[in-house]
Amino acid sequence: MTEYDVTDDVAAIVEDTELPRRLKDEVYRTIEDRGGVTAEEADEIARAVENRYVETRVDPLDPVGTVSAQSIGEPGTQMTMNTFHYAGVAEIDVTQGLPRLIELVDARKEPDTPMMTIHLEEEYATDREKAHEVVWKIEATKILALGDVSTNVADMRVQVNLNPDTLDERMIEPEAVAEAIEAELGVETVQRGTVVEFGPEQPSYRDLLQLVEELRDIVFKGIEDVTRVVIRKEETERGEEFVLYTEGSALGNVLGIEGVDGSRTTTNNIHEIYRQLGVEAARESIINETMETLETQGLDDVNVRHLMLVADIMTNDGTIQSIGRHGISGAKESVLARAAYEVTVNHLLDAAIHGEVDDLNGVIENVIVGKPIKLGTGDVDLKIGSFSETAAKPSDD
């Protein structure tokens, strides 16, 4: 039946409606919260919800695509072109406004400012020290964060003076630093306490400088793509806890780190979510990211159903397609619809070479040729005629 504590009569009344399962569950939840609801009252609640649901359904032949395009496009003209600080984190700049909206509908492989919001498991989320342990596992630690690098041109040696306090804080041993340098640069190192020395095999000033440049790129701990992590104490649905914000994104690597709550951790890179969690999660991410982008601009009156339609068409073939000439618009069957979007001459030439036929089924192509569009009343044919006496006469059967 259902997990909610309601009588069989109430359950039968609710199940008898045309409501989808999500709304039926919401009705059950409401009845359970109120307590002591009679069958008549339950019927009244269920019918009221059903009537509202039926009224809000899209009518047949309603141009939902056009309505959604206008509902998103018109508020889009009021959006700014700036980059804003993300969620009050002053240290991290994330693309917002119109550039972010364009990024999403274009399905860019990499956002201009990739970032992650990382939630922690309970024991890590309330303890600053434990939260910092997770930070150092994520943030890329390079040599300049661990100490000073100097060169001795006379002896052709590079000397690294490691900071003991930083090593302790980030839980890195001097021996591990020396081993990483040997593995990455292919040189022999001499390690004495917190000092590591090495040099080129043959005396060469150019090789010496090359080693220093390569040394700066080595990641001794953390994830290479994550350049910085900011930790903040915030009020969440689970109470007050520490949340991590990153510059750079590597969702697949982060989800496997101890202490990270994978069920609430997310990234603004929709392709990364698609690769790690699948197309349904990517669709949800497109909806959430576009809604959040509009809300930060004060445009939260855009109905989420319009964004859901955009996300649906971008992901309906199991991958993420852009809305543009390299994606959905460029893949339309209609020659005129493709030509109306971009590179008009190329589309018309290709269609002529391949002998394509346009059946004029869509809105754009019918507007171009001056025909009524096949939506709303434009798709209804009225025929006027009279019945013959034979046809009008009721059958004896």
Protein backbone atom coordinates (compact mmCIF):
# COMPACT_ATOMS: atom_id res chain seq x y z
CA MET A 1 0.00 0.00 0.00
CA THR A 2 1.97 2.99 1.28
CA GLU A 3 4.47 3.75 4.02
CA TYR A 4 2.22 6.46 5.47
CA ASP A 5 -0.07 5.76 8.41
CA VAL A 6 -3.54 6.19 6.86
CA THR A 7 -6.68 4.05 6.82
CA ASP A 8 -7.61 1.77 3.92
CA ASP A 9 -10.56 4.04 3.01
CA VAL A 10 -8.34 7.12 2.75
CA ALA A 11 -5.74 5.16 0.78
CA ALA A 12 -8.39 3.95 -1.67
CA ILE A 13 -9.67 7.52 -2.17
CA VAL A 14 -6.19 8.90 -2.90
CA GLU A 15 -5.21 5.98 -5.15
CA ASP A 16 -8.39 6.52 -7.20
CA THR A 17 -7.21 9.97 -8.38
CA GLU A 18 -5.29 10.81 -11.57
CA LEU A 19 -2.40 12.19 -9.56
CA PRO A 20 1.15 11.01 -10.24
CA ARG A 21 2.87 9.01 -7.49
CA ARG A 22 4.85 12.02 -6.20
CA LEU A 23 1.66 14.02 -5.56
CA LYS A 24 -0.14 11.03 -4.06
CA ASP A 25 2.71 10.67 -1.58
CA GLU A 26 2.43 14.39 -0.80
CA VAL A 27 -1.31 13.99 -0.10
CA TYR A 28 -0.60 11.00 2.18
CA ARG A 29 2.03 13.05 4.01
CA THR A 30 -0.39 15.98 4.48
CA ILE A 31 -3.16 13.73 5.80
CA GLU A 32 -0.76 11.99 8.18
CA ASP A 33 0.56 15.33 9.49
CA ARG A 34 -2.96 16.60 10.19
CA GLY A 35 -4.08 13.42 11.93
CA GLY A 36 -7.67 12.27 12.46
CA VAL A 37 -8.76 13.06 8.89
CA THR A 38 -12.05 11.42 7.94
CA ALA A 39 -12.72 9.73 4.61
CA GLU A 40 -14.87 12.68 3.50
CA GLU A 41 -12.14 15.19 4.36
CA ALA A 42 -9.54 13.04 2.64
CA ASP A 43 -11.73 12.91 -0.45
CA GLU A 44 -12.06 16.70 -0.40
CA ILE A 45 -8.28 17.16 -0.11
CA ALA A 46 -7.54 14.61 -2.84
CA ARG A 47 -10.11 16.09 -5.26
CA ALA A 48 -8.86 19.64 -4.69
CA VAL A 49 -5.27 18.57 -5.46
CA GLU A 50 -6.44 16.58 -8.50
CA ASN A 51 -8.40 19.56 -9.88
CA ARG A 52 -5.41 21.85 -9.45
CA TYR A 53 -3.15 19.26 -11.09
CA VAL A 54 -5.46 18.80 -14.09
CA GLU A 55 -5.79 22.58 -14.54
CA THR A 56 -2.04 23.08 -14.62
CA ARG A 57 -1.36 20.38 -17.21
CA VAL A 58 -0.30 21.55 -20.64
CA ASP A 59 -3.10 21.64 -23.19
CA PRO A 60 -2.77 19.56 -26.37
CA LEU A 61 -0.94 21.43 -29.16
CA ASP A 62 0.46 23.98 -26.68
CA PRO A 63 3.86 25.31 -27.94
CA VAL A 64 5.81 24.42 -24.78
CA GLY A 65 9.19 24.92 -26.43
CA THR A 66 8.43 28.45 -27.56
CA VAL A 67 6.93 29.38 -24.20
CA SER A 68 9.96 27.98 -22.35
CA ALA A 69 12.37 29.80 -24.67
CA GLN A 70 10.65 33.12 -24.05
CA SER A 71 10.26 32.47 -20.30
CA ILE A 72 14.03 31.95 -19.95
CA GLY A 73 15.17 34.39 -22.66
CA GLU A 74 13.26 37.46 -21.49
CA PRO A 75 14.64 37.40 -17.90
CA GLY A 76 18.03 36.62 -19.45
CA THR A 77 18.10 40.13 -20.93
CA GLN A 78 18.18 41.49 -17.36
CA MET A 79 21.17 39.43 -16.26
CA THR A 80 24.57 40.93 -15.57
CA MET A 81 27.81 40.06 -17.36
CA ASN A 82 29.94 39.97 -14.22
CA THR A 83 31.73 37.31 -12.19
CA PHE A 84 30.53 37.10 -8.58
CA HIS A 85 31.90 35.64 -5.37
CA TYR A 86 30.36 32.24 -4.81
CA ALA A 87 27.89 31.72 -1.95
CA GLY A 88 29.47 34.41 0.18
CA VAL A 89 32.95 32.90 -0.09
CA ALA A 90 34.98 36.02 -0.79
CA GLU A 91 38.11 34.09 -1.74
CA ILE A 92 36.54 32.15 -4.61
CA ASP A 93 35.25 33.80 -7.79
CA VAL A 94 32.78 31.80 -9.86
CA THR A 95 31.18 32.79 -13.17
CA GLN A 96 27.58 33.87 -12.66
CA GLY A 97 24.93 35.76 -14.58
CA LEU A 98 24.57 35.56 -18.35
CA PRO A 99 28.03 34.03 -19.01
CA ARG A 100 27.16 31.12 -16.72
CA LEU A 101 23.76 30.61 -18.36
CA ILE A 102 25.44 30.53 -21.79
CA GLU A 103 28.01 28.07 -20.43
CA LEU A 104 25.24 25.72 -19.33
CA VAL A 105 23.10 25.76 -22.50
CA ASP A 106 26.26 25.46 -24.62
CA ALA A 107 27.22 22.40 -22.52
CA ARG A 108 30.85 23.57 -22.34
CA LYS A 109 33.29 20.74 -21.63
CA GLU A 110 34.98 22.84 -18.92
CA PRO A 111 33.41 25.79 -17.07
CA ASP A 112 35.48 28.98 -16.94
CA THR A 113 35.70 28.70 -13.16
CA PRO A 114 35.25 25.04 -12.11
CA MET A 115 34.51 24.54 -8.43
CA MET A 116 33.12 21.98 -6.01
CA THR A 117 30.97 22.23 -2.89
CA ILE A 118 32.10 19.41 -0.60
CA HIS A 119 30.05 18.31 2.40
CA LEU A 120 31.64 16.13 5.06
CA GLU A 121 30.50 13.13 7.04
CA GLU A 122 29.23 13.79 10.54
CA GLU A 123 32.43 13.30 12.57
CA TYR A 124 34.46 15.45 10.12
CA ALA A 125 31.79 18.13 9.63
CA THR A 126 31.81 19.28 13.27
CA ASP A 127 35.54 18.99 14.08
CA ARG A 128 37.78 21.66 12.52
CA GLU A 129 40.94 19.54 12.86
CA LYS A 130 39.35 16.57 11.12
CA ALA A 131 37.90 18.87 8.45
CA HIS A 132 41.42 20.20 7.79
CA GLU A 133 42.67 16.63 7.36
CA VAL A 134 40.22 16.31 4.45
CA VAL A 135 41.33 19.71 3.10
CA TRP A 136 44.96 18.60 2.82
CA LYS A 137 43.89 15.38 1.05
CA ILE A 138 42.09 17.47 -1.56
CA GLU A 139 44.11 20.68 -2.04
CA ALA A 140 47.14 20.28 -4.31
CA THR A 141 50.26 20.80 -2.19
CA LYS A 142 53.21 22.06 -4.24
CA ILE A 143 56.76 22.82 -3.22
CA LEU A 144 56.31 26.56 -2.66
CA ALA A 145 53.65 25.77 -0.02
CA LEU A 146 56.12 23.53 1.85
CA GLY A 147 59.24 25.72 1.96
CA ASP A 148 61.79 27.81 0.06
CA VAL A 149 63.66 26.84 -3.11
CA SER A 150 67.12 28.25 -3.84
CA THR A 151 69.79 27.52 -6.46
CA ASN A 152 73.56 27.32 -6.02
CA VAL A 153 74.98 28.09 -9.45
CA ALA A 154 78.58 27.49 -8.31
CA ASP A 155 77.87 23.90 -7.25
CA MET A 156 75.00 23.37 -9.73
CA ARG A 157 72.64 22.35 -6.92
CA VAL A 158 68.98 23.06 -6.07
CA GLN A 159 68.27 23.33 -2.34
CA VAL A 160 64.82 22.99 -0.80
CA ASN A 161 64.41 24.23 2.78
CA LEU A 162 61.19 22.68 4.08
CA ASN A 163 59.13 24.35 6.79
CA PRO A 164 58.70 21.87 9.71
CA ASP A 165 55.43 23.45 10.86
CA THR A 166 53.89 23.20 7.37
CA LEU A 167 55.03 19.59 7.06
CA ASP A 168 53.39 18.74 10.39
CA GLU A 169 50.20 20.59 9.50
CA ARG A 170 49.84 18.84 6.15
CA MET A 171 51.10 15.51 7.52
CA ILE A 172 53.95 15.13 5.02
CA GLU A 173 57.36 13.61 5.89
CA PRO A 174 60.60 15.12 4.49
CA GLU A 175 61.52 11.65 3.19
CA ALA A 176 58.29 11.58 1.15
CA VAL A 177 59.21 14.93 -0.43
CA ALA A 178 62.65 13.64 -1.41
CA GLU A 179 61.20 10.42 -2.85
CA ALA A 180 58.61 12.36 -4.88
CA ILE A 181 61.34 14.61 -6.34
CA GLU A 182 63.42 11.57 -7.32
CA ALA A 183 60.42 9.85 -8.93
CA GLU A 184 59.17 12.92 -10.83
CA LEU A 185 62.46 14.51 -11.92
CA GLY A 186 64.63 11.40 -12.24
CA VAL A 187 67.46 12.85 -10.11
CA GLU A 188 69.29 11.69 -7.00
CA THR A 189 68.44 13.66 -3.89
CA VAL A 190 70.33 14.18 -0.63
CA GLN A 191 68.03 14.69 2.33
CA ARG A 192 69.30 15.97 5.68
CA GLY A 193 66.47 16.73 8.11
CA THR A 194 64.23 19.29 6.43
CA VAL A 195 66.75 20.15 3.70
CA VAL A 196 66.63 18.39 0.33
CA GLU A 197 69.36 18.91 -2.31
CA PHE A 198 69.71 17.70 -5.88
CA GLY A 199 71.14 18.79 -9.21
CA PRO A 200 71.49 17.88 -12.90
CA GLU A 201 73.63 14.90 -13.90
CA GLN A 202 75.93 17.11 -15.97
CA PRO A 203 76.79 20.70 -14.97
CA SER A 204 74.43 22.86 -16.99
CA TYR A 205 72.84 26.16 -16.05
CA ARG A 206 69.92 25.52 -18.41
CA ASP A 207 69.28 22.06 -16.88
CA LEU A 208 69.47 23.56 -13.40
CA LEU A 209 66.75 26.12 -14.20
CA GLN A 210 64.69 23.44 -15.94
CA LEU A 211 64.77 21.32 -12.77
CA VAL A 212 63.54 24.26 -10.69
CA GLU A 213 60.64 24.87 -13.10
CA GLU A 214 59.65 21.19 -13.09
CA LEU A 215 59.97 21.08 -9.29
CA ARG A 216 57.31 23.78 -8.94
CA ASP A 217 54.78 21.65 -10.83
CA ILE A 218 55.10 18.54 -8.65
CA VAL A 219 52.03 17.75 -6.50
CA PHE A 220 53.25 16.23 -3.23
CA LYS A 221 49.79 15.69 -1.77
CA GLY A 222 46.19 16.27 -2.80
CA ILE A 223 44.54 16.49 -6.24
CA GLU A 224 46.34 18.27 -9.06
CA ASP A 225 43.22 19.92 -10.48
CA VAL A 226 42.20 21.47 -7.14
CA THR A 227 44.37 24.54 -6.58
CA ARG A 228 42.71 25.83 -3.42
CA VAL A 229 40.19 24.81 -0.77
CA VAL A 230 38.28 27.24 1.44
CA ILE A 231 36.65 25.93 4.62
CA ARG A 232 33.57 27.63 6.06
CA LYS A 233 31.22 26.94 8.95
CA GLU A 234 27.64 27.07 7.68
CA GLU A 235 24.11 26.27 8.74
CA THR A 236 22.90 23.28 6.70
CA GLU A 237 19.95 20.90 6.85
CA ARG A 238 21.98 18.87 9.37
CA GLY A 239 22.79 21.82 11.58
CA GLU A 240 25.98 23.84 11.83
CA GLU A 241 28.89 22.14 10.06
CA PHE A 242 32.04 22.79 8.04
CA VAL A 243 31.66 22.93 4.25
CA LEU A 244 34.55 22.98 1.76
CA TYR A 245 34.61 25.09 -1.42
CA THR A 246 37.29 24.41 -4.02
CA GLU A 247 38.89 26.18 -6.95
CA GLY A 248 39.12 23.47 -9.56
CA SER A 249 37.05 20.32 -9.87
CA ALA A 250 37.80 16.60 -9.69
CA LEU A 251 34.60 14.97 -8.47
CA GLY A 252 35.66 11.39 -9.16
CA ASN A 253 38.79 11.72 -7.02
CA VAL A 254 37.02 13.56 -4.19
CA LEU A 255 34.20 11.03 -3.79
CA GLY A 256 36.71 8.35 -2.79
CA ILE A 257 38.33 10.40 0.00
CA GLU A 258 37.58 9.36 3.57
CA GLY A 259 35.38 11.89 5.36
CA VAL A 260 33.65 13.23 2.22
CA ASP A 261 29.87 12.86 2.11
CA GLY A 262 29.38 11.79 -1.51
CA SER A 263 25.58 12.07 -1.36
CA ARG A 264 25.74 15.89 -0.88
CA THR A 265 28.99 16.78 -2.66
CA THR A 266 28.61 18.40 -6.05
CA THR A 267 30.44 20.32 -8.78
CA ASN A 268 29.46 23.03 -11.27
CA ASN A 269 30.93 20.92 -14.10
CA ILE A 270 27.92 19.08 -15.61
CA HIS A 271 30.12 16.84 -17.78
CA GLU A 272 32.02 15.63 -14.72
CA ILE A 273 28.73 14.74 -13.03
CA TYR A 274 27.68 12.92 -16.23
CA ARG A 275 30.91 10.88 -16.27
CA GLN A 276 30.79 9.98 -12.59
CA LEU A 277 27.08 9.66 -11.82
CA GLY A 278 25.27 9.27 -15.16
CA VAL A 279 22.88 11.21 -17.36
CA GLU A 280 20.02 11.47 -14.82
CA ALA A 281 22.33 13.18 -12.33
CA ALA A 282 23.60 15.46 -15.12
CA ARG A 283 20.02 16.41 -15.99
CA GLU A 284 19.34 17.26 -12.34
CA SER A 285 22.54 19.29 -12.23
CA ILE A 286 21.55 21.33 -15.33
CA ILE A 287 18.20 22.16 -13.70
CA ASN A 288 19.80 23.10 -10.36
CA GLU A 289 22.62 25.15 -11.89
CA THR A 290 20.35 27.14 -14.22
CA MET A 291 17.84 27.75 -11.42
CA GLU A 292 20.59 28.87 -9.05
CA THR A 293 22.07 31.17 -11.71
CA LEU A 294 18.69 32.85 -12.22
CA GLU A 295 18.00 33.09 -8.48
CA THR A 296 21.32 34.81 -7.74
CA GLN A 297 20.23 37.47 -10.25
CA GLY A 298 16.87 37.93 -8.55
CA LEU A 299 15.02 36.11 -11.34
CA ASP A 300 13.54 33.35 -9.21
CA ASP A 301 10.04 33.74 -10.70
CA VAL A 302 11.02 31.62 -13.74
CA ASN A 303 9.05 28.38 -13.42
CA VAL A 304 11.30 25.35 -12.96
CA ARG A 305 9.29 23.44 -15.61
CA HIS A 306 10.83 25.57 -18.36
CA LEU A 307 14.31 24.66 -17.11
CA MET A 308 13.27 21.01 -16.84
CA LEU A 309 12.25 21.05 -20.52
CA VAL A 310 15.65 22.47 -21.49
CA ALA A 311 17.44 19.84 -19.39
CA ASP A 312 15.25 17.08 -20.85
CA ILE A 313 16.01 17.95 -24.45
CA MET A 314 19.74 18.34 -23.68
CA THR A 315 19.93 14.83 -22.14
CA ASN A 316 17.15 12.82 -23.83
CA ASP A 317 19.52 10.69 -25.94
CA GLY A 318 21.63 9.61 -22.95
CA THR A 319 24.39 12.17 -23.47
CA ILE A 320 24.68 15.92 -22.94
CA GLN A 321 24.01 17.98 -26.08
CA SER A 322 24.40 21.70 -26.41
CA ILE A 323 21.56 23.92 -27.62
CA GLY A 324 23.28 25.29 -30.70
CA ARG A 325 24.41 24.48 -34.23
CA HIS A 326 26.81 21.82 -32.91
CA GLY A 327 24.04 20.19 -30.89
CA ILE A 328 20.25 20.23 -30.90
CA SER A 329 19.62 23.09 -33.37
CA GLY A 330 22.17 21.69 -35.84
CA ALA A 331 20.60 18.22 -35.68
CA LYS A 332 17.04 19.26 -36.59
CA GLU A 333 15.45 17.43 -39.49
CA SER A 334 14.16 20.64 -41.07
CA VAL A 335 16.60 22.32 -43.46
CA LEU A 336 15.01 25.75 -42.99
CA ALA A 337 15.09 25.44 -39.19
CA ARG A 338 18.82 24.67 -39.29
CA ALA A 339 19.45 27.48 -41.77
CA ALA A 340 17.53 29.99 -39.64
CA TYR A 341 19.83 29.43 -36.68
CA GLU A 342 23.40 29.93 -37.95
CA VAL A 343 25.61 29.50 -41.08
CA THR A 344 22.56 29.77 -43.34
CA VAL A 345 24.32 29.36 -46.70
CA ASN A 346 26.21 26.21 -45.63
CA HIS A 347 23.02 24.48 -44.51
CA LEU A 348 21.17 25.36 -47.71
CA LEU A 349 24.08 24.24 -49.91
CA ASP A 350 24.47 20.93 -48.07
CA ALA A 351 20.71 20.31 -48.27
CA ALA A 352 20.72 21.01 -52.02
CA ILE A 353 23.72 18.74 -52.63
CA HIS A 354 22.12 15.85 -50.72
CA GLY A 355 18.59 16.45 -52.05
CA GLU A 356 17.00 16.94 -48.64
CA VAL A 357 13.25 17.53 -48.37
CA ASP A 358 11.65 19.79 -45.75
CA ASP A 359 8.21 18.57 -44.63
CA LEU A 360 7.45 21.92 -42.91
CA ASN A 361 6.36 20.34 -39.63
CA GLY A 362 7.89 22.80 -37.18
CA VAL A 363 7.30 26.40 -36.15
CA ILE A 364 10.37 28.08 -37.70
CA GLU A 365 10.04 26.63 -41.19
CA ASN A 366 6.32 27.45 -41.42
CA VAL A 367 6.93 31.04 -40.34
CA ILE A 368 9.65 31.35 -43.02
CA VAL A 369 7.35 30.19 -45.83
CA GLY A 370 4.32 32.09 -44.50
CA LYS A 371 2.16 29.12 -43.55
CA PRO A 372 0.15 28.77 -40.31
CA ILE A 373 2.15 26.88 -37.70
CA LYS A 374 0.87 23.45 -36.71
CA LEU A 375 0.23 24.31 -33.08
CA GLY A 376 -2.90 25.32 -31.21
CA THR A 377 -5.74 26.12 -33.62
CA GLY A 378 -3.27 25.93 -36.52
CA ASP A 379 -3.28 22.13 -36.28
CA VAL A 380 -7.07 21.75 -36.31
CA ASP A 381 -8.89 21.10 -39.60
CA LEU A 382 -12.61 21.96 -39.84
CA LYS A 383 -14.72 20.27 -42.48
CA ILE A 384 -18.22 21.44 -43.31
CA GLY A 385 -20.59 18.99 -44.93
CA SER A 386 -24.00 17.36 -44.61
CA PHE A 387 -24.96 13.84 -43.80
CA SER A 388 -27.04 11.93 -46.30
CA GLU A 389 -30.38 10.62 -45.07
CA THR A 390 -28.99 7.12 -45.06
CA ALA A 391 -25.98 8.10 -43.02
CA ALA A 392 -28.04 10.19 -40.61
CA LYS A 393 -30.70 7.53 -40.08
CA PRO A 394 -30.10 5.55 -36.87
CA SER A 395 -29.37 1.91 -37.39
CA ASP A 396 -31.86 -0.72 -36.29
CA ASP A 397 -28.96 -2.50 -34.63
